[in-house]
Amino acid sequence: MTAGSLGMMQVDPSFAVDRAERGTPHLGSFDAAAWGDARIVPTHPVSASIAIAAVTLPRIRYVCRPDVGAFDGTERV
């Protein structure tokens, strides 16, 4: 890959969670037309959570060109 080219990267982050809590879901606004169907009405909240964590991103493991198959377009870094 070259600088400025389009690509995806794989990293293996580590997480140190300080706090995690469950809450009550709340939807402040919803634009059904933006989802392609103005008839959509959100009615059943699934879950709500919040977490405070330190995320460490180590060095990049792989880069992949999205316009090429994975076998040919993936390079180990």
Protein backbone atom coordinates (compact mmCIF):
# COMPACT_ATOMS: atom_id res chain seq x y z
CA MET A 1 0.00 0.00 0.00
CA THR A 2 1.11 3.54 -0.56
CA ALA A 3 0.56 6.65 1.53
CA GLY A 4 -2.82 8.16 0.82
CA SER A 5 -4.32 4.99 -0.66
CA LEU A 6 -7.55 3.46 0.58
CA GLY A 7 -7.14 0.49 2.89
CA MET A 8 -8.25 -1.32 6.01
CA MET A 9 -6.01 -2.14 8.96
CA GLN A 10 -6.09 -4.88 11.58
CA VAL A 11 -4.86 -4.22 15.09
CA ASP A 12 -5.34 -6.25 18.27
CA PRO A 13 -6.34 -3.69 20.90
CA SER A 14 -6.29 -4.31 24.61
CA PHE A 15 -8.91 -2.94 26.97
CA ALA A 16 -8.63 -2.03 30.66
CA VAL A 17 -12.21 -1.45 31.77
CA ASP A 18 -12.56 0.91 34.72
CA ARG A 19 -16.33 0.94 34.98
CA ALA A 20 -19.33 -0.50 33.11
CA GLU A 21 -23.01 0.10 33.82
CA ARG A 22 -26.39 -0.77 32.38
CA GLY A 23 -28.99 1.88 31.84
CA THR A 24 -32.36 2.61 30.32
CA PRO A 25 -32.27 3.19 26.56
CA HIS A 26 -33.53 6.57 25.37
CA LEU A 27 -33.97 7.71 21.79
CA GLY A 28 -33.98 11.50 21.54
CA SER A 29 -34.87 11.68 17.87
CA PHE A 30 -35.21 9.33 14.91
CA ASP A 31 -35.41 10.09 11.18
CA ALA A 32 -37.18 7.09 9.65
CA ALA A 33 -36.94 8.49 6.13
CA ALA A 34 -33.15 8.56 6.44
CA TRP A 35 -33.32 4.77 6.97
CA GLY A 36 -35.25 4.45 3.69
CA ASP A 37 -38.78 3.96 5.04
CA ALA A 38 -40.77 6.73 6.71
CA ARG A 39 -43.06 4.09 8.30
CA ILE A 40 -40.34 2.81 10.66
CA VAL A 41 -41.22 3.47 14.30
CA PRO A 42 -38.72 2.33 16.96
CA THR A 43 -40.74 0.74 19.76
CA HIS A 44 -38.67 -1.96 21.50
CA PRO A 45 -35.39 -0.79 23.07
CA VAL A 46 -32.90 -3.62 23.33
CA SER A 47 -30.18 -2.47 25.71
CA ALA A 48 -28.17 0.47 26.92
CA SER A 49 -24.71 0.42 28.41
CA ILE A 50 -21.83 2.73 29.12
CA ALA A 51 -18.23 1.89 29.84
CA ILE A 52 -15.14 3.81 30.81
CA ALA A 53 -12.01 2.08 29.60
CA ALA A 54 -8.46 2.65 28.47
CA VAL A 55 -7.93 1.28 24.98
CA THR A 56 -4.40 0.56 23.81
CA LEU A 57 -3.84 0.23 20.07
CA PRO A 58 -0.61 -1.65 19.40
CA ARG A 59 1.21 -1.64 16.09
CA ILE A 60 -0.72 -2.48 12.92
CA ARG A 61 -0.67 -6.20 12.10
CA TYR A 62 -2.12 -6.26 8.58
CA VAL A 63 -3.25 -3.84 5.89
CA CYS A 64 -5.78 -4.86 3.29
CA ARG A 65 -6.88 -3.32 0.00
CA PRO A 66 -10.70 -3.38 -0.11
CA ASP A 67 -10.75 -3.49 -3.93
CA VAL A 68 -8.78 -6.77 -4.11
CA GLY A 69 -9.55 -10.23 -2.71
CA ALA A 70 -8.21 -10.92 0.79
CA PHE A 71 -5.60 -13.44 -0.38
CA ASP A 72 -4.02 -11.04 -2.88
CA GLY A 73 -4.72 -7.71 -1.20
CA THR A 74 -3.49 -8.35 2.35
CA GLU A 75 0.02 -7.47 3.54
CA ARG A 76 1.58 -8.23 6.90
CA VAL A 77 3.18 -5.13 8.44
